Amino acid sequence: MHPLQRVETESSRLPWLSMAAAILLFGGLLVVYRQELIGYFSRFAPVRAERNATLQVRPAGDSLQIVFPRGARKGVLFIQDGEVLHRFNLSGEDLASGRFNYRSASPDLTVRLEADGRTESARVLRQPEVEVAEAQPPPTPPPVVAATANQPAVGVADRAVTTPVPDLSIRKVPSPFPKALRSVHGILRVDVRVVIAADGSVESATLSGPATSVYFRRISLEAAQASRFDPSDGGTSRTLQYEYTREGVQVSEAPAK
């Protein structure tokens, strides 16, 4: 190759080499100063105002209705129900309606929603339901029969009238989580032995019987501790039986052995 042609070829390559070197240098600067550049240009981006918290929890019969903004693309609902934490991946129908129904098992409830990168939470303290025993009306005294010639007058004082005493016992029924009930196959029994105080309250409650679900044992023990009995039963003990099925829960008193 002629020396002049070689010089012209090498000189024609110089601009391309310079351009490639400049591109590599610019790419290296972008990698090194990426965070600084992002912070600089973010100052010129429009600021999106944060919306106020819109998560609400409303009573809906024996359940709670959790209301949240509609239209989110993805959402997860965390519910701390007493000592149990539940997680629900919200479906498209839930996200479109902005509502989720939940039946709580304890009066202390904390709800946290994570949807589209935003987190909102709310806490609910429900007053426990107070069950009032219905007092039976006093019996109607028997009428006084007028005396005849051969029969003396018979009045109230002449008859042994026994007035039934109303039973003031209140046996609390647990409110298990519906998903937990659906996991029960057949009948799940939990026995709790209670010692009754002089005022009718439960002095102590202990679990008895074979081991079973920790969750159902806990809510059975809490229900037994919240139960009340007639003060005349003070100083005695009872064994409460809680039977869980998919249809619900029933409480009864085990016969004395």
C-alpha atoms as a PDB file:
ATOM      1  CA  MET A   1       0.000   0.000   0.000  1.00  0.00           C
ATOM      2  CA  HIS A   2       1.234   3.443  -0.896  1.00  0.00           C
ATOM      3  CA  PRO A   3       2.301   5.492   2.164  1.00  0.00           C
ATOM      4  CA  LEU A   4      -0.099   8.305   1.255  1.00  0.00           C
ATOM      5  CA  GLN A   5      -3.030   5.889   1.092  1.00  0.00           C
ATOM      6  CA  ARG A   6      -2.076   4.461   4.487  1.00  0.00           C
ATOM      7  CA  VAL A   7      -2.020   7.921   6.047  1.00  0.00           C
ATOM      8  CA  GLU A   8      -5.433   8.741   4.561  1.00  0.00           C
ATOM      9  CA  THR A   9      -6.924   5.471   5.921  1.00  0.00           C
ATOM     10  CA  GLU A  10      -5.594   6.040   9.407  1.00  0.00           C
ATOM     11  CA  SER A  11      -6.794   9.645   9.417  1.00  0.00           C
ATOM     12  CA  SER A  12     -10.299   8.528   8.385  1.00  0.00           C
ATOM     13  CA  ARG A  13     -10.440   6.154  11.383  1.00  0.00           C
ATOM     14  CA  LEU A  14      -9.578   8.813  13.937  1.00  0.00           C
ATOM     15  CA  PRO A  15     -13.053  10.449  14.116  1.00  0.00           C
ATOM     16  CA  TRP A  16     -14.736   7.078  14.695  1.00  0.00           C
ATOM     17  CA  LEU A  17     -12.291   6.130  17.398  1.00  0.00           C
ATOM     18  CA  SER A  18     -12.768   9.502  19.069  1.00  0.00           C
ATOM     19  CA  MET A  19     -16.552   9.105  18.931  1.00  0.00           C
ATOM     20  CA  ALA A  20     -16.396   5.591  20.422  1.00  0.00           C
ATOM     21  CA  ALA A  21     -14.121   6.818  23.206  1.00  0.00           C
ATOM     22  CA  ALA A  22     -16.520   9.701  23.933  1.00  0.00           C
ATOM     23  CA  ILE A  23     -19.478   7.306  24.102  1.00  0.00           C
ATOM     24  CA  LEU A  24     -17.639   4.997  26.510  1.00  0.00           C
ATOM     25  CA  LEU A  25     -16.607   7.942  28.656  1.00  0.00           C
ATOM     26  CA  PHE A  26     -20.169   9.292  28.737  1.00  0.00           C
ATOM     27  CA  GLY A  27     -21.562   5.859  29.682  1.00  0.00           C
ATOM     28  CA  GLY A  28     -19.048   5.548  32.495  1.00  0.00           C
ATOM     29  CA  LEU A  29     -20.024   8.948  33.849  1.00  0.00           C
ATOM     30  CA  LEU A  30     -23.692   7.939  33.772  1.00  0.00           C
ATOM     31  CA  VAL A  31     -22.946   4.826  35.822  1.00  0.00           C
ATOM     32  CA  VAL A  32     -20.845   6.680  38.386  1.00  0.00           C
ATOM     33  CA  TYR A  33     -23.095   9.712  38.805  1.00  0.00           C
ATOM     34  CA  ARG A  34     -26.442   7.984  38.230  1.00  0.00           C
ATOM     35  CA  GLN A  35     -27.900   8.787  41.667  1.00  0.00           C
ATOM     36  CA  GLU A  36     -26.758  12.407  41.475  1.00  0.00           C
ATOM     37  CA  LEU A  37     -28.345  12.829  38.041  1.00  0.00           C
ATOM     38  CA  ILE A  38     -31.602  11.252  39.159  1.00  0.00           C
ATOM     39  CA  GLY A  39     -31.741  13.542  42.179  1.00  0.00           C
ATOM     40  CA  TYR A  40     -31.013  16.578  40.018  1.00  0.00           C
ATOM     41  CA  PHE A  41     -33.654  15.929  37.364  1.00  0.00           C
ATOM     42  CA  SER A  42     -36.267  14.827  39.939  1.00  0.00           C
ATOM     43  CA  ARG A  43     -36.442  18.442  41.121  1.00  0.00           C
ATOM     44  CA  PHE A  44     -38.041  19.377  37.814  1.00  0.00           C
ATOM     45  CA  ALA A  45     -40.602  16.540  37.854  1.00  0.00           C
ATOM     46  CA  PRO A  46     -44.161  17.454  38.874  1.00  0.00           C
ATOM     47  CA  VAL A  47     -44.899  16.628  42.523  1.00  0.00           C
ATOM     48  CA  ARG A  48     -47.856  14.296  43.045  1.00  0.00           C
ATOM     49  CA  ALA A  49     -49.907  15.217  46.075  1.00  0.00           C
ATOM     50  CA  GLU A  50     -50.457  12.417  48.573  1.00  0.00           C
ATOM     51  CA  ARG A  51     -54.046  11.557  49.275  1.00  0.00           C
ATOM     52  CA  ASN A  52     -55.356  11.460  52.795  1.00  0.00           C
ATOM     53  CA  ALA A  53     -55.837   8.072  54.404  1.00  0.00           C
ATOM     54  CA  THR A  54     -59.108   6.590  53.154  1.00  0.00           C
ATOM     55  CA  LEU A  55     -59.022   3.178  54.822  1.00  0.00           C
ATOM     56  CA  GLN A  56     -62.161   2.734  56.919  1.00  0.00           C
ATOM     57  CA  VAL A  57     -63.602  -0.099  59.003  1.00  0.00           C
ATOM     58  CA  ARG A  58     -67.367  -0.146  59.458  1.00  0.00           C
ATOM     59  CA  PRO A  59     -69.671  -2.535  61.339  1.00  0.00           C
ATOM     60  CA  ALA A  60     -71.818  -4.711  59.064  1.00  0.00           C
ATOM     61  CA  GLY A  61     -74.048  -6.946  61.166  1.00  0.00           C
ATOM     62  CA  ASP A  62     -71.915  -9.535  62.941  1.00  0.00           C
ATOM     63  CA  SER A  63     -68.987  -8.734  60.643  1.00  0.00           C
ATOM     64  CA  LEU A  64     -66.814  -5.753  59.739  1.00  0.00           C
ATOM     65  CA  GLN A  65     -66.662  -4.082  56.332  1.00  0.00           C
ATOM     66  CA  ILE A  66     -63.246  -2.771  55.322  1.00  0.00           C
ATOM     67  CA  VAL A  67     -63.526   0.085  52.804  1.00  0.00           C
ATOM     68  CA  PHE A  68     -60.546   1.290  50.744  1.00  0.00           C
ATOM     69  CA  PRO A  69     -59.937   3.247  47.504  1.00  0.00           C
ATOM     70  CA  ARG A  70     -61.230   1.530  44.404  1.00  0.00           C
ATOM     71  CA  GLY A  71     -59.327   0.901  41.204  1.00  0.00           C
ATOM     72  CA  ALA A  72     -55.984  -0.323  42.565  1.00  0.00           C
ATOM     73  CA  ARG A  73     -54.144  -2.774  40.329  1.00  0.00           C
ATOM     74  CA  LYS A  74     -52.847  -4.955  43.145  1.00  0.00           C
ATOM     75  CA  GLY A  75     -53.456  -5.051  46.884  1.00  0.00           C
ATOM     76  CA  VAL A  76     -52.725  -7.112  49.983  1.00  0.00           C
ATOM     77  CA  LEU A  77     -54.723  -6.838  53.208  1.00  0.00           C
ATOM     78  CA  PHE A  78     -53.109  -7.702  56.559  1.00  0.00           C
ATOM     79  CA  ILE A  79     -55.458  -8.159  59.540  1.00  0.00           C
ATOM     80  CA  GLN A  80     -54.028  -8.571  63.051  1.00  0.00           C
ATOM     81  CA  ASP A  81     -56.926 -10.226  64.901  1.00  0.00           C
ATOM     82  CA  GLY A  82     -55.796 -10.443  68.510  1.00  0.00           C
ATOM     83  CA  GLU A  83     -52.719 -12.684  68.404  1.00  0.00           C
ATOM     84  CA  VAL A  84     -53.387 -14.049  64.895  1.00  0.00           C
ATOM     85  CA  LEU A  85     -52.157 -12.303  61.726  1.00  0.00           C
ATOM     86  CA  HIS A  86     -54.113 -12.984  58.527  1.00  0.00           C
ATOM     87  CA  ARG A  87     -53.044 -12.072  54.985  1.00  0.00           C
ATOM     88  CA  PHE A  88     -55.489 -11.709  52.102  1.00  0.00           C
ATOM     89  CA  ASN A  89     -54.487 -11.156  48.486  1.00  0.00           C
ATOM     90  CA  LEU A  90     -57.313  -8.958  47.221  1.00  0.00           C
ATOM     91  CA  SER A  91     -59.003 -10.216  44.072  1.00  0.00           C
ATOM     92  CA  GLY A  92     -59.890  -8.070  41.095  1.00  0.00           C
ATOM     93  CA  GLU A  93     -63.495  -7.965  42.302  1.00  0.00           C
ATOM     94  CA  ASP A  94     -62.413  -6.758  45.762  1.00  0.00           C
ATOM     95  CA  LEU A  95     -60.203  -4.042  44.252  1.00  0.00           C
ATOM     96  CA  ALA A  96     -62.970  -2.903  41.907  1.00  0.00           C
ATOM     97  CA  SER A  97     -65.603  -2.662  44.661  1.00  0.00           C
ATOM     98  CA  GLY A  98     -63.253  -1.254  47.306  1.00  0.00           C
ATOM     99  CA  ARG A  99     -64.831  -3.431  50.004  1.00  0.00           C
ATOM    100  CA  PHE A 100     -63.835  -6.528  51.974  1.00  0.00           C
ATOM    101  CA  ASN A 101     -65.967  -8.209  54.650  1.00  0.00           C
ATOM    102  CA  TYR A 102     -64.309  -9.822  57.662  1.00  0.00           C
ATOM    103  CA  ARG A 103     -65.623 -11.416  60.851  1.00  0.00           C
ATOM    104  CA  SER A 104     -63.317 -10.759  63.778  1.00  0.00           C
ATOM    105  CA  ALA A 105     -62.602 -13.177  66.596  1.00  0.00           C
ATOM    106  CA  SER A 106     -61.306 -10.616  69.109  1.00  0.00           C
ATOM    107  CA  PRO A 107     -62.233  -7.027  70.047  1.00  0.00           C
ATOM    108  CA  ASP A 108     -58.749  -5.713  69.150  1.00  0.00           C
ATOM    109  CA  LEU A 109     -58.251  -5.466  65.389  1.00  0.00           C
ATOM    110  CA  THR A 110     -55.527  -3.810  63.295  1.00  0.00           C
ATOM    111  CA  VAL A 111     -55.973  -3.534  59.514  1.00  0.00           C
ATOM    112  CA  ARG A 112     -53.152  -2.667  57.084  1.00  0.00           C
ATOM    113  CA  LEU A 113     -53.596  -2.251  53.333  1.00  0.00           C
ATOM    114  CA  GLU A 114     -50.732  -2.293  50.842  1.00  0.00           C
ATOM    115  CA  ALA A 115     -51.948  -1.279  47.392  1.00  0.00           C
ATOM    116  CA  ASP A 116     -49.973   0.142  44.458  1.00  0.00           C
ATOM    117  CA  GLY A 117     -47.012   1.092  46.657  1.00  0.00           C
ATOM    118  CA  ARG A 118     -49.173   2.900  49.235  1.00  0.00           C
ATOM    119  CA  THR A 119     -49.718   1.666  52.788  1.00  0.00           C
ATOM    120  CA  GLU A 120     -52.645   2.616  55.024  1.00  0.00           C
ATOM    121  CA  SER A 121     -53.606   1.184  58.398  1.00  0.00           C
ATOM    122  CA  ALA A 122     -56.421   1.459  60.912  1.00  0.00           C
ATOM    123  CA  ARG A 123     -57.092   0.022  64.345  1.00  0.00           C
ATOM    124  CA  VAL A 124     -60.470  -0.981  65.730  1.00  0.00           C
ATOM    125  CA  LEU A 125     -61.315  -1.621  69.365  1.00  0.00           C
ATOM    126  CA  ARG A 126     -64.737  -3.212  69.581  1.00  0.00           C
ATOM    127  CA  GLN A 127     -66.701  -3.246  72.810  1.00  0.00           C
ATOM    128  CA  PRO A 128     -67.453  -6.827  73.842  1.00  0.00           C
ATOM    129  CA  GLU A 129     -71.071  -7.778  73.539  1.00  0.00           C
ATOM    130  CA  VAL A 130     -72.827  -7.891  76.890  1.00  0.00           C
ATOM    131  CA  GLU A 131     -75.309 -10.673  77.202  1.00  0.00           C
ATOM    132  CA  VAL A 132     -78.179 -10.001  79.579  1.00  0.00           C
ATOM    133  CA  ALA A 133     -80.060 -12.909  81.037  1.00  0.00           C
ATOM    134  CA  GLU A 134     -83.793 -12.537  80.682  1.00  0.00           C
ATOM    135  CA  ALA A 135     -85.449 -12.459  84.075  1.00  0.00           C
ATOM    136  CA  GLN A 136     -88.530 -14.638  84.257  1.00  0.00           C
ATOM    137  CA  PRO A 137     -91.701 -12.940  85.461  1.00  0.00           C
ATOM    138  CA  PRO A 138     -92.820 -13.865  88.982  1.00  0.00           C
ATOM    139  CA  PRO A 139     -95.458 -16.601  89.077  1.00  0.00           C
ATOM    140  CA  THR A 140     -99.060 -15.696  89.512  1.00  0.00           C
ATOM    141  CA  PRO A 141    -100.218 -16.582  93.035  1.00  0.00           C
ATOM    142  CA  PRO A 142    -102.980 -19.158  93.161  1.00  0.00           C
ATOM    143  CA  PRO A 143    -106.459 -17.787  93.776  1.00  0.00           C
ATOM    144  CA  VAL A 144    -108.083 -17.990  97.190  1.00  0.00           C
ATOM    145  CA  VAL A 145    -110.865 -20.565  97.237  1.00  0.00           C
ATOM    146  CA  ALA A 146    -113.905 -19.582  99.313  1.00  0.00           C
ATOM    147  CA  ALA A 147    -114.797 -21.957 102.136  1.00  0.00           C
ATOM    148  CA  THR A 148    -117.897 -24.085 101.966  1.00  0.00           C
ATOM    149  CA  ALA A 149    -119.868 -25.586 104.767  1.00  0.00           C
ATOM    150  CA  ASN A 150    -117.729 -28.722 104.930  1.00  0.00           C
ATOM    151  CA  GLN A 151    -114.421 -27.268 103.658  1.00  0.00           C
ATOM    152  CA  PRO A 152    -112.258 -24.614 105.345  1.00  0.00           C
ATOM    153  CA  ALA A 153    -110.921 -21.637 103.402  1.00  0.00           C
ATOM    154  CA  VAL A 154    -107.764 -22.399 101.490  1.00  0.00           C
ATOM    155  CA  GLY A 155    -105.479 -19.436 100.779  1.00  0.00           C
ATOM    156  CA  VAL A 156    -101.940 -18.718  99.665  1.00  0.00           C
ATOM    157  CA  ALA A 157    -100.567 -19.224 103.151  1.00  0.00           C
ATOM    158  CA  ASP A 158    -101.987 -22.724 103.246  1.00  0.00           C
ATOM    159  CA  ARG A 159    -100.129 -23.823 100.096  1.00  0.00           C
ATOM    160  CA  ALA A 160     -96.428 -24.420  99.575  1.00  0.00           C
ATOM    161  CA  VAL A 161     -95.557 -22.058  96.724  1.00  0.00           C
ATOM    162  CA  THR A 162     -92.042 -22.402  95.253  1.00  0.00           C
ATOM    163  CA  THR A 163     -90.891 -19.383  93.247  1.00  0.00           C
ATOM    164  CA  PRO A 164     -88.390 -20.428  90.564  1.00  0.00           C
ATOM    165  CA  VAL A 165     -85.142 -18.455  90.759  1.00  0.00           C
ATOM    166  CA  PRO A 166     -84.012 -17.111  87.354  1.00  0.00           C
ATOM    167  CA  ASP A 167     -80.754 -18.555  86.079  1.00  0.00           C
ATOM    168  CA  LEU A 168     -78.266 -15.686  85.746  1.00  0.00           C
ATOM    169  CA  SER A 169     -75.591 -17.800  84.062  1.00  0.00           C
ATOM    170  CA  ILE A 170     -74.064 -16.473  80.840  1.00  0.00           C
ATOM    171  CA  ARG A 171     -71.954 -18.840  78.788  1.00  0.00           C
ATOM    172  CA  LYS A 172     -69.989 -16.893  76.218  1.00  0.00           C
ATOM    173  CA  VAL A 173     -69.850 -18.377  72.728  1.00  0.00           C
ATOM    174  CA  PRO A 174     -66.593 -17.870  70.757  1.00  0.00           C
ATOM    175  CA  SER A 175     -66.675 -16.188  67.344  1.00  0.00           C
ATOM    176  CA  PRO A 176     -64.123 -18.156  65.312  1.00  0.00           C
ATOM    177  CA  PHE A 177     -62.811 -16.923  62.013  1.00  0.00           C
ATOM    178  CA  PRO A 178     -64.866 -18.398  59.088  1.00  0.00           C
ATOM    179  CA  LYS A 179     -61.749 -19.749  57.375  1.00  0.00           C
ATOM    180  CA  ALA A 180     -60.835 -21.610  60.547  1.00  0.00           C
ATOM    181  CA  LEU A 181     -64.303 -23.183  60.703  1.00  0.00           C
ATOM    182  CA  ARG A 182     -64.033 -24.325  57.097  1.00  0.00           C
ATOM    183  CA  SER A 183     -60.887 -26.231  58.038  1.00  0.00           C
ATOM    184  CA  VAL A 184     -62.785 -28.342  60.603  1.00  0.00           C
ATOM    185  CA  HIS A 185     -63.649 -31.885  59.554  1.00  0.00           C
ATOM    186  CA  GLY A 186     -66.413 -33.446  61.620  1.00  0.00           C
ATOM    187  CA  ILE A 187     -66.608 -32.129  65.198  1.00  0.00           C
ATOM    188  CA  LEU A 188     -63.708 -30.497  67.031  1.00  0.00           C
ATOM    189  CA  ARG A 189     -64.206 -30.480  70.820  1.00  0.00           C
ATOM    190  CA  VAL A 190     -62.441 -28.351  73.424  1.00  0.00           C
ATOM    191  CA  ASP A 191     -63.092 -28.798  77.161  1.00  0.00           C
ATOM    192  CA  VAL A 192     -62.410 -25.990  79.627  1.00  0.00           C
ATOM    193  CA  ARG A 193     -62.742 -26.486  83.372  1.00  0.00           C
ATOM    194  CA  VAL A 194     -63.732 -23.319  85.267  1.00  0.00           C
ATOM    195  CA  VAL A 195     -63.790 -22.498  88.965  1.00  0.00           C
ATOM    196  CA  ILE A 196     -66.624 -20.113  89.868  1.00  0.00           C
ATOM    197  CA  ALA A 197     -66.013 -17.221  92.267  1.00  0.00           C
ATOM    198  CA  ALA A 198     -68.468 -16.005  94.913  1.00  0.00           C
ATOM    199  CA  ASP A 199     -69.849 -13.266  92.636  1.00  0.00           C
ATOM    200  CA  GLY A 200     -70.474 -15.663  89.750  1.00  0.00           C
ATOM    201  CA  SER A 201     -67.393 -14.700  87.718  1.00  0.00           C
ATOM    202  CA  VAL A 202     -64.802 -17.223  86.603  1.00  0.00           C
ATOM    203  CA  GLU A 203     -61.983 -17.402  89.121  1.00  0.00           C
ATOM    204  CA  SER A 204     -59.800 -19.672  86.972  1.00  0.00           C
ATOM    205  CA  ALA A 205     -60.088 -21.550  83.694  1.00  0.00           C
ATOM    206  CA  THR A 206     -57.893 -24.414  82.512  1.00  0.00           C
ATOM    207  CA  LEU A 207     -57.929 -26.508  79.381  1.00  0.00           C
ATOM    208  CA  SER A 208     -58.607 -30.200  79.764  1.00  0.00           C
ATOM    209  CA  GLY A 209     -58.806 -33.113  77.417  1.00  0.00           C
ATOM    210  CA  PRO A 210     -56.548 -34.119  74.529  1.00  0.00           C
ATOM    211  CA  ALA A 211     -54.490 -31.571  72.636  1.00  0.00           C
ATOM    212  CA  THR A 212     -56.077 -30.011  69.553  1.00  0.00           C
ATOM    213  CA  SER A 213     -55.807 -26.827  67.504  1.00  0.00           C
ATOM    214  CA  VAL A 214     -53.979 -24.055  69.336  1.00  0.00           C
ATOM    215  CA  TYR A 215     -56.286 -21.443  67.803  1.00  0.00           C
ATOM    216  CA  PHE A 216     -59.534 -23.136  68.922  1.00  0.00           C
ATOM    217  CA  ARG A 217     -58.106 -23.854  72.378  1.00  0.00           C
ATOM    218  CA  ARG A 218     -57.236 -20.176  72.775  1.00  0.00           C
ATOM    219  CA  ILE A 219     -60.631 -18.769  71.780  1.00  0.00           C
ATOM    220  CA  SER A 220     -62.386 -21.420  73.909  1.00  0.00           C
ATOM    221  CA  LEU A 221     -60.317 -20.434  76.931  1.00  0.00           C
ATOM    222  CA  GLU A 222     -61.084 -16.729  76.353  1.00  0.00           C
ATOM    223  CA  ALA A 223     -64.821 -17.438  76.069  1.00  0.00           C
ATOM    224  CA  ALA A 224     -64.783 -19.510  79.249  1.00  0.00           C
ATOM    225  CA  GLN A 225     -62.976 -16.780  81.188  1.00  0.00           C
ATOM    226  CA  ALA A 226     -65.573 -14.231  80.040  1.00  0.00           C
ATOM    227  CA  SER A 227     -68.535 -16.409  81.092  1.00  0.00           C
ATOM    228  CA  ARG A 228     -70.563 -15.747  84.232  1.00  0.00           C
ATOM    229  CA  PHE A 229     -72.555 -18.023  86.495  1.00  0.00           C
ATOM    230  CA  ASP A 230     -75.172 -17.669  89.177  1.00  0.00           C
ATOM    231  CA  PRO A 231     -73.580 -16.430  92.420  1.00  0.00           C
ATOM    232  CA  SER A 232     -75.184 -19.401  94.168  1.00  0.00           C
ATOM    233  CA  ASP A 233     -72.719 -21.597  92.246  1.00  0.00           C
ATOM    234  CA  GLY A 234     -69.753 -19.824  93.851  1.00  0.00           C
ATOM    235  CA  GLY A 235     -67.029 -22.154  95.052  1.00  0.00           C
ATOM    236  CA  THR A 236     -67.944 -24.907  92.609  1.00  0.00           C
ATOM    237  CA  SER A 237     -66.399 -25.947  89.313  1.00  0.00           C
ATOM    238  CA  ARG A 238     -67.859 -26.699  85.894  1.00  0.00           C
ATOM    239  CA  THR A 239     -66.546 -28.160  82.651  1.00  0.00           C
ATOM    240  CA  LEU A 240     -67.635 -26.291  79.534  1.00  0.00           C
ATOM    241  CA  GLN A 241     -67.589 -28.171  76.242  1.00  0.00           C
ATOM    242  CA  TYR A 242     -67.121 -26.217  72.991  1.00  0.00           C
ATOM    243  CA  GLU A 243     -67.991 -28.115  69.817  1.00  0.00           C
ATOM    244  CA  TYR A 244     -66.807 -26.613  66.508  1.00  0.00           C
ATOM    245  CA  THR A 245     -68.180 -27.684  63.136  1.00  0.00           C
ATOM    246  CA  ARG A 246     -68.260 -26.067  59.720  1.00  0.00           C
ATOM    247  CA  GLU A 247     -71.735 -24.735  60.538  1.00  0.00           C
ATOM    248  CA  GLY A 248     -70.702 -22.945  63.744  1.00  0.00           C
ATOM    249  CA  VAL A 249     -69.949 -23.505  67.432  1.00  0.00           C
ATOM    250  CA  GLN A 250     -72.033 -24.735  70.361  1.00  0.00           C
ATOM    251  CA  VAL A 251     -71.279 -24.613  74.072  1.00  0.00           C
ATOM    252  CA  SER A 252     -72.677 -26.959  76.668  1.00  0.00           C
ATOM    253  CA  GLU A 253     -71.875 -28.065  80.183  1.00  0.00           C
ATOM    254  CA  ALA A 254     -70.318 -31.487  80.600  1.00  0.00           C
ATOM    255  CA  PRO A 255     -72.100 -33.730  83.112  1.00  0.00           C
ATOM    256  CA  ALA A 256     -70.410 -34.103  86.481  1.00  0.00           C
ATOM    257  CA  LYS A 257     -68.306 -37.233  86.820  1.00  0.00           C
END
